[in-house]
Amino acid sequence: MNTDSLTDRPDAPDVVVIGGGTGGYSTALRTAALGLRVVLAERDLVGGTCLHRGCIPSKAMLHAAELVDGIAEAGARWGVKASVDAVDWDALTATRDDIVARNHQGVSGTLARAGVRVVHGSARLTGPRSVVVDGPEGGTFTARRGIVLATGSRPRTLPGLPADGRRVVTSDDALFAPGLPASVLVLGGGAIGVEYASFHRSMGAEVTLVEAADRLLPLEDEEVGRHLLRGLKRRGITVRTGSTLTGTELLPDGVRATVVTPKGEEVVVEAERLLVAVGRAPVTDGLGLAAAGLAVDERGFVAPADWSRLETAVPGIHVVGDLLPPPSPGLAHASFAEGLLVAETLAGVPSRPVDYATVPRVTYSSPQTASVGLSEAAARARGLEIKVNTMPLTATAKGMVHGQGGIVKVIAAADGAGGEATGAVLGVHLVGPHVSEMIAESQLIVAWDAEPSDVAQQVHAHPTLSEAVGEAFLTLAGRGLHQH
């Protein structure tokens, strides 16, 4: 056991980070780069949920699904006589696992080269500056400057229906369940549920997606949810919005569920697998918050007292990642930004607070969605005078080539006489193929308070999907060519 119990010891850490996911390891890397001594405690594998069970493996699988969809499109639209004879599940998962392993090696190597001391074991607070890590590499560590809480989140489950990794799965284990099911019932129409529904449909499963809200992606612009719904239905996915799961029964080889529709009708759905995607809950059990004078809020989050520093009510204890309540979106890329902010704060380096209003939100289904800034409803709820333009991707040649539909929707402030869109762009919302790769431009547009006329001056390559973004802004600036 190692004991760094006094802050005046020469080898005592300046900062102790608890949790090695995206928020934790980014904090550790930036802190070390600024010359501070860092201990990173992680009870599992550095990289966290995103690398090992979420973002990276799921996007690897969705890429495979995109290849399958491409083969189907080749035959249906382009006269290319090709078909998918079978999916070699072992080969597919081996490629996924190799991608995850290489990323894990990269993160581990980067931490080592940065001089971050990674300690494997379960960590808990024993005071406002002290942390105990249980395990052969552990000990007691007293941080000179501060402690960073980055323990992440876990999937929420249904009461009385625990996940068994085969018939009932969560997003943590859905991709690691054995084989490809012939039918899937997905509960939850947020980003995770939609992505998994999309993947399994590409792989040939009969998919039913149930969402309690009246639309998919209920936190996004209403038009985004409507176009996404249209795209999923076109692919043969049964979508039931405004519906609730009222009962489930485990079968030897699957589940039987009762779904109540908005009209009060009961529909029985049988599927080989039930994926529960009803959100995630912060992980704070065993963290010893009380010993440091901290407590969770009514939703289980550790709320900062100062959002500009992400510092709690206990000076020197900071929070990043999924432990944070909204407006933090619980997204990996937001966690990176939070880690940078906290590291620079602890090092005494000036740092800007995270601008959550300009963090992009992406769903990697087919079709994809990507958004940044305010929805139309949110802008109107603030009493803002706005001008809205929605342009279909199929109004461009490249959109016709892809043939998947989709939109570019822009919300701008209407500051001019007659309601012209001469104010700043407030939000951009995209639905369609590859829009995850198109949102960065719109992020800068919103973050830099650009006006439609500013964007209209920029020439977009022809023919591209991003041309639709340029055309949407040309129209708002009163210079539209193909849209009026």
Protein backbone atom coordinates (compact mmCIF):
# COMPACT_ATOMS: atom_id res chain seq x y z
CA MET A 1 0.00 0.00 0.00
CA ASN A 2 1.24 3.48 -0.89
CA THR A 3 0.51 6.36 1.43
CA ASP A 4 0.69 9.97 0.27
CA SER A 5 -1.07 11.19 3.36
CA LEU A 6 0.59 14.59 3.72
CA THR A 7 0.43 17.35 1.18
CA ASP A 8 4.00 18.41 1.99
CA ARG A 9 5.46 15.09 0.85
CA PRO A 10 7.55 15.60 -2.29
CA ASP A 11 5.66 12.85 -4.10
CA ALA A 12 2.18 13.90 -2.97
CA PRO A 13 -0.11 14.55 -5.95
CA ASP A 14 -1.30 18.02 -6.79
CA VAL A 15 -4.55 16.60 -8.17
CA VAL A 16 -6.41 13.34 -7.70
CA VAL A 17 -8.90 12.41 -10.41
CA ILE A 18 -11.48 9.74 -9.60
CA GLY A 19 -12.65 8.05 -12.78
CA GLY A 20 -10.79 7.42 -16.03
CA GLY A 21 -13.50 8.02 -18.62
CA THR A 22 -13.45 10.86 -21.13
CA GLY A 23 -13.92 13.57 -18.50
CA GLY A 24 -11.42 12.05 -16.09
CA TYR A 25 -8.59 11.24 -18.46
CA SER A 26 -8.88 14.56 -20.30
CA THR A 27 -8.61 16.34 -16.96
CA ALA A 28 -5.58 14.26 -16.04
CA LEU A 29 -3.81 14.81 -19.38
CA ARG A 30 -4.30 18.57 -19.39
CA THR A 31 -3.36 18.89 -15.72
CA ALA A 32 -0.15 16.94 -16.30
CA ALA A 33 0.65 19.04 -19.37
CA LEU A 34 0.44 22.12 -17.15
CA GLY A 35 3.15 20.72 -14.88
CA LEU A 36 1.09 19.32 -12.01
CA ARG A 37 1.48 15.90 -10.44
CA VAL A 38 -1.63 13.80 -11.12
CA VAL A 39 -3.03 10.55 -9.75
CA LEU A 40 -5.86 9.01 -11.76
CA ALA A 41 -7.90 6.35 -9.95
CA GLU A 42 -9.92 3.96 -12.12
CA ARG A 43 -11.58 0.76 -10.96
CA ASP A 44 -12.03 -0.67 -14.45
CA LEU A 45 -10.34 0.39 -17.71
CA VAL A 46 -9.27 3.90 -18.63
CA GLY A 47 -11.49 5.20 -21.38
CA GLY A 48 -14.68 4.51 -19.46
CA THR A 49 -18.11 3.74 -20.86
CA CYS A 50 -17.60 5.75 -24.05
CA LEU A 51 -14.57 3.79 -25.18
CA HIS A 52 -15.45 0.32 -23.96
CA ARG A 53 -19.26 0.04 -23.98
CA GLY A 54 -20.69 3.12 -25.67
CA CYS A 55 -19.53 5.64 -28.25
CA ILE A 56 -16.68 3.76 -29.89
CA PRO A 57 -17.98 0.17 -30.12
CA SER A 58 -21.48 1.34 -31.07
CA LYS A 59 -20.19 3.57 -33.87
CA ALA A 60 -18.00 0.73 -35.12
CA MET A 61 -21.09 -1.47 -35.32
CA LEU A 62 -23.12 1.30 -36.95
CA HIS A 63 -20.43 1.60 -39.62
CA ALA A 64 -20.85 -2.10 -40.35
CA ALA A 65 -24.60 -1.49 -40.55
CA GLU A 66 -24.00 1.33 -43.02
CA LEU A 67 -22.05 -1.08 -45.24
CA VAL A 68 -24.95 -3.54 -45.16
CA ASP A 69 -27.39 -0.77 -46.05
CA GLY A 70 -25.12 0.31 -48.87
CA ILE A 71 -25.21 -3.14 -50.42
CA ALA A 72 -28.99 -3.15 -50.24
CA GLU A 73 -29.12 0.29 -51.88
CA ALA A 74 -26.69 -0.83 -54.57
CA GLY A 75 -29.16 -3.45 -55.75
CA ALA A 76 -32.35 -1.50 -55.22
CA ARG A 77 -31.32 1.82 -56.78
CA TRP A 78 -28.16 1.39 -58.83
CA GLY A 79 -28.44 -1.92 -60.58
CA VAL A 80 -25.42 -3.36 -58.78
CA LYS A 81 -26.15 -7.06 -58.42
CA ALA A 82 -24.93 -7.68 -54.91
CA SER A 83 -26.46 -9.08 -51.78
CA VAL A 84 -25.57 -9.88 -48.17
CA ASP A 85 -25.47 -13.64 -47.83
CA ALA A 86 -24.77 -13.59 -44.09
CA VAL A 87 -23.19 -11.55 -41.31
CA ASP A 88 -20.25 -13.25 -39.62
CA TRP A 89 -20.95 -12.06 -36.09
CA ASP A 90 -17.62 -13.26 -34.73
CA ALA A 91 -15.67 -11.44 -37.44
CA LEU A 92 -17.75 -8.29 -36.99
CA THR A 93 -17.25 -8.19 -33.24
CA ALA A 94 -13.55 -9.02 -33.60
CA THR A 95 -13.08 -5.90 -35.72
CA ARG A 96 -15.06 -3.85 -33.20
CA ASP A 97 -12.99 -5.19 -30.32
CA ASP A 98 -9.75 -4.50 -32.17
CA ILE A 99 -10.76 -0.87 -32.66
CA VAL A 100 -11.62 -0.56 -28.97
CA ALA A 101 -8.38 -2.27 -27.90
CA ARG A 102 -6.22 -0.01 -30.06
CA ASN A 103 -7.98 3.07 -28.71
CA HIS A 104 -7.50 1.80 -25.16
CA GLN A 105 -3.80 1.24 -25.79
CA GLY A 106 -3.57 4.75 -27.20
CA VAL A 107 -5.21 6.35 -24.16
CA SER A 108 -3.12 4.28 -21.74
CA GLY A 109 0.08 5.11 -23.58
CA THR A 110 -0.74 8.81 -23.73
CA LEU A 111 -1.41 8.90 -19.98
CA ALA A 112 1.89 7.13 -19.30
CA ARG A 113 3.88 9.47 -21.53
CA ALA A 114 2.23 12.46 -19.85
CA GLY A 115 3.42 11.23 -16.46
CA VAL A 116 -0.06 10.57 -15.08
CA ARG A 117 0.03 7.94 -12.35
CA VAL A 118 -2.85 5.55 -12.98
CA VAL A 119 -3.95 3.64 -9.88
CA HIS A 120 -6.37 0.76 -10.40
CA GLY A 121 -8.99 0.29 -7.72
CA SER A 122 -12.18 1.71 -6.23
CA ALA A 123 -11.71 5.21 -4.86
CA ARG A 124 -13.62 7.02 -2.15
CA LEU A 125 -13.34 10.39 -0.51
CA THR A 126 -12.28 10.50 3.13
CA GLY A 127 -12.12 14.27 3.37
CA PRO A 128 -12.05 17.41 1.26
CA ARG A 129 -8.50 16.67 0.12
CA SER A 130 -8.02 12.95 0.76
CA VAL A 131 -8.86 9.86 -1.29
CA VAL A 132 -8.49 6.19 -0.45
CA VAL A 133 -8.07 3.75 -3.32
CA ASP A 134 -8.75 0.13 -2.49
CA GLY A 135 -6.61 -2.42 -4.30
CA PRO A 136 -3.02 -3.66 -4.55
CA GLU A 137 -1.90 -0.42 -6.22
CA GLY A 138 -3.96 1.77 -3.93
CA GLY A 139 -3.45 3.68 -0.77
CA THR A 140 -4.29 7.04 0.71
CA PHE A 141 -3.65 10.09 -1.41
CA THR A 142 -3.88 13.69 -0.27
CA ALA A 143 -4.17 16.22 -3.04
CA ARG A 144 -2.36 19.53 -2.71
CA ARG A 145 -4.66 21.45 -5.03
CA GLY A 146 -7.84 19.53 -5.52
CA ILE A 147 -9.90 16.46 -6.36
CA VAL A 148 -11.87 15.86 -9.53
CA LEU A 149 -14.95 13.63 -9.52
CA ALA A 150 -15.45 11.87 -12.86
CA THR A 151 -17.16 8.58 -12.04
CA GLY A 152 -19.64 8.71 -14.93
CA SER A 153 -23.03 7.05 -15.20
CA ARG A 154 -24.77 3.72 -15.66
CA PRO A 155 -27.88 2.75 -17.64
CA ARG A 156 -31.20 3.00 -15.86
CA THR A 157 -33.17 -0.25 -15.72
CA LEU A 158 -36.83 -1.14 -15.32
CA PRO A 159 -38.04 -1.96 -11.80
CA GLY A 160 -38.43 -5.70 -11.38
CA LEU A 161 -36.84 -6.46 -14.75
CA PRO A 162 -33.07 -6.64 -14.38
CA ALA A 163 -30.91 -6.98 -17.46
CA ASP A 164 -29.66 -10.53 -18.02
CA GLY A 165 -27.43 -9.74 -21.00
CA ARG A 166 -29.45 -11.97 -23.33
CA ARG A 167 -33.20 -11.33 -23.32
CA VAL A 168 -33.14 -7.98 -21.52
CA VAL A 169 -30.17 -5.73 -22.24
CA THR A 170 -29.05 -2.16 -21.64
CA SER A 171 -26.85 0.02 -23.80
CA ASP A 172 -23.84 -1.23 -21.81
CA ASP A 173 -24.31 -4.82 -22.91
CA ALA A 174 -26.54 -4.71 -26.01
CA LEU A 175 -23.64 -4.97 -28.44
CA PHE A 176 -22.02 -7.73 -26.43
CA ALA A 177 -25.09 -9.96 -26.20
CA PRO A 178 -24.71 -13.27 -28.05
CA GLY A 179 -25.43 -13.19 -31.78
CA LEU A 180 -27.89 -11.19 -33.80
CA PRO A 181 -31.54 -11.43 -32.71
CA ALA A 182 -34.30 -11.85 -35.28
CA SER A 183 -36.50 -9.34 -33.44
CA VAL A 184 -35.87 -6.48 -31.04
CA LEU A 185 -38.08 -4.30 -28.89
CA VAL A 186 -36.38 -1.00 -28.04
CA LEU A 187 -37.75 1.02 -25.12
CA GLY A 188 -36.71 4.64 -25.39
CA GLY A 189 -36.60 6.97 -28.38
CA GLY A 190 -33.62 9.06 -27.37
CA ALA A 191 -30.29 8.92 -29.18
CA ILE A 192 -29.23 5.56 -27.73
CA GLY A 193 -32.53 3.83 -28.44
CA VAL A 194 -32.73 5.19 -31.98
CA GLU A 195 -29.17 4.15 -32.78
CA TYR A 196 -29.67 0.60 -31.56
CA ALA A 197 -32.98 0.31 -33.37
CA SER A 198 -31.27 1.47 -36.55
CA PHE A 199 -28.38 -0.99 -36.16
CA HIS A 200 -30.56 -4.03 -35.60
CA ARG A 201 -32.83 -3.14 -38.51
CA SER A 202 -29.80 -2.92 -40.81
CA MET A 203 -28.81 -6.37 -39.62
CA GLY A 204 -32.19 -7.77 -40.63
CA ALA A 205 -34.11 -7.78 -37.34
CA GLU A 206 -37.76 -6.87 -36.99
CA VAL A 207 -37.63 -3.79 -34.78
CA THR A 208 -40.28 -2.07 -32.65
CA LEU A 209 -39.32 1.23 -31.03
CA VAL A 210 -41.46 2.55 -28.15
CA GLU A 211 -41.17 6.11 -26.81
CA ALA A 212 -43.36 7.64 -24.11
CA ALA A 213 -43.03 11.18 -25.47
CA ASP A 214 -45.04 12.25 -28.50
CA ARG A 215 -41.97 12.24 -30.75
CA LEU A 216 -38.52 10.75 -31.15
CA LEU A 217 -35.55 12.65 -29.74
CA PRO A 218 -37.91 14.68 -27.55
CA LEU A 219 -35.17 17.12 -26.51
CA GLU A 220 -34.50 18.10 -30.12
CA ASP A 221 -36.41 20.34 -32.51
CA GLU A 222 -39.82 18.91 -33.32
CA GLU A 223 -39.09 18.88 -37.05
CA VAL A 224 -35.98 16.78 -36.43
CA GLY A 225 -38.05 14.14 -34.68
CA ARG A 226 -40.63 14.18 -37.44
CA HIS A 227 -38.12 13.65 -40.24
CA LEU A 228 -36.27 11.01 -38.25
CA LEU A 229 -39.55 9.16 -37.68
CA ARG A 230 -40.24 9.26 -41.41
CA GLY A 231 -36.80 7.86 -42.19
CA LEU A 232 -37.04 5.02 -39.67
CA LYS A 233 -40.51 4.02 -40.81
CA ARG A 234 -39.32 4.01 -44.41
CA ARG A 235 -36.74 1.44 -43.35
CA GLY A 236 -39.43 -0.81 -41.90
CA ILE A 237 -39.04 0.01 -38.22
CA THR A 238 -42.30 0.06 -36.25
CA VAL A 239 -42.30 3.23 -34.17
CA ARG A 240 -44.83 3.86 -31.41
CA THR A 241 -44.54 7.32 -29.90
CA GLY A 242 -46.73 8.51 -27.04
CA SER A 243 -46.83 4.89 -25.89
CA THR A 244 -45.88 3.19 -22.64
CA LEU A 245 -44.72 -0.25 -21.64
CA THR A 246 -47.16 -1.53 -19.02
CA GLY A 247 -46.08 -5.12 -18.58
CA THR A 248 -43.35 -7.57 -19.52
CA GLU A 249 -43.04 -11.32 -19.35
CA LEU A 250 -39.81 -13.24 -19.78
CA LEU A 251 -40.02 -16.12 -22.24
CA PRO A 252 -37.47 -18.92 -22.64
CA ASP A 253 -36.11 -17.21 -25.76
CA GLY A 254 -37.22 -13.64 -25.44
CA VAL A 255 -39.81 -11.30 -23.95
CA ARG A 256 -43.49 -10.53 -24.32
CA ALA A 257 -44.44 -6.93 -23.62
CA THR A 258 -47.71 -5.00 -23.44
CA VAL A 259 -47.63 -1.54 -24.96
CA VAL A 260 -50.41 1.00 -24.48
CA THR A 261 -50.85 3.40 -27.41
CA PRO A 262 -51.97 7.05 -27.19
CA LYS A 263 -55.53 5.88 -27.97
CA GLY A 264 -55.48 3.50 -25.00
CA GLU A 265 -55.18 0.37 -27.10
CA GLU A 266 -53.10 -2.51 -25.76
CA VAL A 267 -50.61 -4.01 -28.22
CA VAL A 268 -48.66 -7.16 -27.40
CA VAL A 269 -45.12 -7.28 -28.79
CA GLU A 270 -42.94 -10.39 -28.68
CA ALA A 271 -39.23 -10.11 -29.39
CA GLU A 272 -36.07 -12.08 -28.85
CA ARG A 273 -34.50 -9.11 -27.13
CA LEU A 274 -35.67 -6.09 -25.14
CA LEU A 275 -33.27 -3.16 -25.14
CA VAL A 276 -33.93 -0.74 -22.28
CA ALA A 277 -32.71 2.73 -23.23
CA VAL A 278 -34.52 4.98 -20.76
CA GLY A 279 -31.60 7.13 -19.72
CA ARG A 280 -28.55 6.96 -17.50
CA ALA A 281 -28.00 7.62 -13.80
CA PRO A 282 -24.91 9.18 -12.17
CA VAL A 283 -22.59 6.77 -10.37
CA THR A 284 -21.94 8.01 -6.83
CA ASP A 285 -22.40 4.88 -4.71
CA GLY A 286 -19.35 4.20 -2.56
CA LEU A 287 -17.79 7.53 -3.49
CA GLY A 288 -17.86 8.86 0.09
CA LEU A 289 -19.35 12.22 -0.75
CA ALA A 290 -20.53 12.84 2.81
CA ALA A 291 -17.00 12.46 4.17
CA ALA A 292 -15.99 15.44 2.06
CA GLY A 293 -19.06 17.47 2.94
CA LEU A 294 -20.89 16.83 -0.31
CA ALA A 295 -24.29 15.43 -1.24
CA VAL A 296 -26.15 14.65 -4.45
CA ASP A 297 -29.15 16.67 -5.58
CA GLU A 298 -32.68 15.28 -5.90
CA ARG A 299 -31.80 13.68 -9.25
CA GLY A 300 -28.58 12.08 -8.08
CA PHE A 301 -26.20 14.61 -9.66
CA VAL A 302 -23.29 16.38 -7.98
CA ALA A 303 -24.09 19.99 -8.78
CA PRO A 304 -21.33 22.59 -8.95
CA ALA A 305 -21.63 25.74 -6.87
CA ASP A 306 -19.65 27.60 -9.54
CA TRP A 307 -20.32 26.59 -13.15
CA SER A 308 -17.53 28.80 -14.42
CA ARG A 309 -15.06 26.54 -12.60
CA LEU A 310 -17.19 23.38 -12.22
CA GLU A 311 -16.31 23.57 -8.53
CA THR A 312 -18.58 22.21 -5.83
CA ALA A 313 -19.56 23.90 -2.58
CA VAL A 314 -16.43 22.32 -1.11
CA PRO A 315 -13.50 24.37 -2.42
CA GLY A 316 -11.05 22.31 -4.41
CA ILE A 317 -13.47 19.54 -5.36
CA HIS A 318 -14.55 19.75 -9.00
CA VAL A 319 -16.94 17.70 -11.13
CA VAL A 320 -16.87 16.70 -14.80
CA GLY A 321 -18.87 14.44 -17.09
CA ASP A 322 -22.05 12.54 -16.35
CA LEU A 323 -22.07 13.50 -12.64
CA LEU A 324 -23.04 17.02 -13.69
CA PRO A 325 -26.71 18.00 -14.01
CA PRO A 326 -28.04 19.92 -17.01
CA PRO A 327 -27.06 22.11 -18.78
CA SER A 328 -24.17 19.68 -19.10
CA PRO A 329 -25.48 17.32 -21.80
CA GLY A 330 -23.77 14.13 -20.62
CA LEU A 331 -21.88 13.75 -23.90
CA ALA A 332 -18.28 12.60 -24.27
CA HIS A 333 -17.19 15.66 -26.24
CA ALA A 334 -18.65 17.94 -23.57
CA SER A 335 -16.69 15.97 -20.97
CA PHE A 336 -13.46 16.72 -22.82
CA ALA A 337 -14.22 20.44 -22.64
CA GLU A 338 -15.11 20.16 -18.95
CA GLY A 339 -11.85 18.34 -18.27
CA LEU A 340 -9.86 21.11 -19.93
CA LEU A 341 -11.68 23.77 -17.92
CA VAL A 342 -11.13 22.04 -14.57
CA ALA A 343 -7.47 21.24 -15.28
CA GLU A 344 -6.73 24.83 -16.21
CA THR A 345 -8.65 26.09 -13.18
CA LEU A 346 -6.63 23.88 -10.85
CA ALA A 347 -3.39 25.00 -12.49
CA GLY A 348 -4.32 28.66 -12.16
CA VAL A 349 -4.48 29.16 -15.92
CA PRO A 350 -7.22 31.44 -17.29
CA SER A 351 -9.94 29.34 -18.93
CA ARG A 352 -13.32 30.10 -20.43
CA PRO A 353 -16.40 28.33 -19.03
CA VAL A 354 -17.93 25.65 -21.21
CA ASP A 355 -20.51 27.15 -23.55
CA TYR A 356 -23.12 24.40 -23.39
CA ALA A 357 -25.37 26.25 -25.83
CA THR A 358 -22.89 25.50 -28.63
CA VAL A 359 -22.18 21.84 -27.86
CA PRO A 360 -23.36 19.79 -30.87
CA ARG A 361 -25.76 16.88 -30.41
CA VAL A 362 -25.58 13.94 -32.80
CA THR A 363 -27.54 10.73 -33.33
CA TYR A 364 -25.71 8.19 -35.50
CA SER A 365 -28.74 6.32 -36.80
CA SER A 366 -29.79 6.03 -40.42
CA PRO A 367 -30.80 8.73 -41.09
CA GLN A 368 -28.48 10.68 -38.82
CA THR A 369 -29.41 13.83 -36.92
CA ALA A 370 -27.16 16.67 -35.76
CA SER A 371 -28.09 19.89 -33.99
CA VAL A 372 -26.55 22.88 -32.28
CA GLY A 373 -28.17 25.79 -30.51
CA LEU A 374 -31.85 26.48 -29.88
CA SER A 375 -34.81 24.63 -31.29
CA GLU A 376 -37.64 26.65 -32.81
CA ALA A 377 -39.85 25.98 -29.78
CA ALA A 378 -37.11 27.03 -27.34
CA ALA A 379 -36.47 30.25 -29.23
CA ARG A 380 -40.17 31.12 -29.24
CA ALA A 381 -40.49 30.21 -25.55
CA ARG A 382 -37.88 32.88 -24.83
CA GLY A 383 -40.03 35.43 -26.59
CA LEU A 384 -37.55 35.91 -29.41
CA GLU A 385 -38.57 37.21 -32.82
CA ILE A 386 -37.20 34.65 -35.23
CA LYS A 387 -37.01 33.72 -38.87
CA VAL A 388 -36.99 30.00 -39.74
CA ASN A 389 -35.96 28.31 -42.95
CA THR A 390 -36.15 24.59 -43.64
CA MET A 391 -34.56 23.23 -46.79
CA PRO A 392 -34.87 19.60 -47.91
CA LEU A 393 -31.59 17.88 -48.72
CA THR A 394 -33.21 16.46 -51.83
CA ALA A 395 -33.39 19.99 -53.23
CA THR A 396 -29.67 19.54 -53.96
CA ALA A 397 -28.14 17.19 -56.49
CA LYS A 398 -26.04 15.40 -53.85
CA GLY A 399 -29.11 14.92 -51.69
CA MET A 400 -30.81 13.25 -54.64
CA VAL A 401 -27.78 11.00 -55.13
CA HIS A 402 -28.03 9.76 -51.55
CA GLY A 403 -31.80 9.45 -51.79
CA GLN A 404 -32.43 9.36 -48.03
CA GLY A 405 -34.33 12.61 -47.61
CA GLY A 406 -33.44 14.90 -44.76
CA ILE A 407 -33.42 18.61 -44.00
CA VAL A 408 -31.38 21.64 -43.04
CA LYS A 409 -33.30 23.84 -40.62
CA VAL A 410 -31.97 27.22 -39.54
CA ILE A 411 -33.36 29.47 -36.81
CA ALA A 412 -32.14 33.08 -36.83
CA ALA A 413 -33.08 36.23 -34.96
CA ALA A 414 -35.38 38.48 -36.97
CA ASP A 415 -33.96 41.87 -36.05
CA GLY A 416 -34.75 43.75 -39.25
CA ALA A 417 -37.82 45.63 -40.29
CA GLY A 418 -40.40 43.31 -41.74
CA GLY A 419 -39.04 40.30 -39.85
CA GLU A 420 -35.93 39.81 -41.97
CA ALA A 421 -33.31 37.43 -40.60
CA THR A 422 -30.63 40.02 -39.93
CA GLY A 423 -29.83 38.87 -36.41
CA ALA A 424 -27.56 36.11 -35.13
CA VAL A 425 -28.12 32.47 -36.01
CA LEU A 426 -29.67 30.80 -32.96
CA GLY A 427 -29.83 27.14 -34.01
CA VAL A 428 -29.12 24.72 -36.84
CA HIS A 429 -30.71 21.29 -37.16
CA LEU A 430 -29.78 18.62 -39.69
CA VAL A 431 -31.32 15.28 -40.62
CA GLY A 432 -29.91 13.01 -43.30
CA PRO A 433 -26.86 11.03 -44.40
CA HIS A 434 -23.48 12.00 -42.90
CA VAL A 435 -24.84 15.07 -41.10
CA SER A 436 -22.67 14.14 -38.09
CA GLU A 437 -19.73 15.26 -40.23
CA MET A 438 -21.52 18.47 -41.30
CA ILE A 439 -22.43 20.00 -37.93
CA ALA A 440 -19.02 21.53 -37.11
CA GLU A 441 -19.59 24.45 -39.49
CA SER A 442 -22.91 25.24 -37.83
CA GLN A 443 -21.32 25.00 -34.39
CA LEU A 444 -18.96 27.82 -35.32
CA ILE A 445 -21.79 29.82 -36.90
CA VAL A 446 -23.83 29.70 -33.67
CA ALA A 447 -20.85 30.14 -31.33
CA TRP A 448 -19.56 33.17 -33.20
CA ASP A 449 -22.97 34.86 -33.44
CA ALA A 450 -22.79 34.90 -37.20
CA GLU A 451 -25.71 36.25 -39.19
CA PRO A 452 -27.21 34.57 -42.27
CA SER A 453 -25.61 37.20 -44.49
CA ASP A 454 -22.20 36.29 -43.06
CA VAL A 455 -22.66 32.64 -43.94
CA ALA A 456 -24.17 33.47 -47.32
CA GLN A 457 -20.86 35.08 -48.29
CA GLN A 458 -19.08 31.74 -47.91
CA VAL A 459 -19.02 29.56 -51.02
CA HIS A 460 -19.92 25.92 -50.43
CA ALA A 461 -18.55 23.23 -52.72
CA HIS A 462 -20.84 21.87 -55.41
CA PRO A 463 -22.12 19.20 -55.43
CA THR A 464 -22.04 18.37 -51.72
CA LEU A 465 -24.56 17.83 -48.96
CA SER A 466 -23.09 20.84 -47.16
CA GLU A 467 -24.24 22.91 -50.13
CA ALA A 468 -27.73 22.63 -48.66
CA VAL A 469 -26.47 24.43 -45.54
CA GLY A 470 -25.12 27.25 -47.67
CA GLU A 471 -28.33 27.44 -49.68
CA ALA A 472 -30.46 27.62 -46.53
CA PHE A 473 -28.49 30.64 -45.36
CA LEU A 474 -28.59 32.26 -48.80
CA THR A 475 -32.37 32.11 -48.65
CA LEU A 476 -32.49 33.68 -45.18
CA ALA A 477 -30.18 36.42 -46.42
CA GLY A 478 -32.56 37.15 -49.31
CA ARG A 479 -30.20 35.73 -51.96
CA GLY A 480 -31.68 32.27 -52.52
CA LEU A 481 -31.05 30.53 -55.83
CA HIS A 482 -32.95 27.24 -55.70
CA GLN A 483 -35.17 28.04 -52.72
CA HIS A 484 -37.39 31.06 -52.26
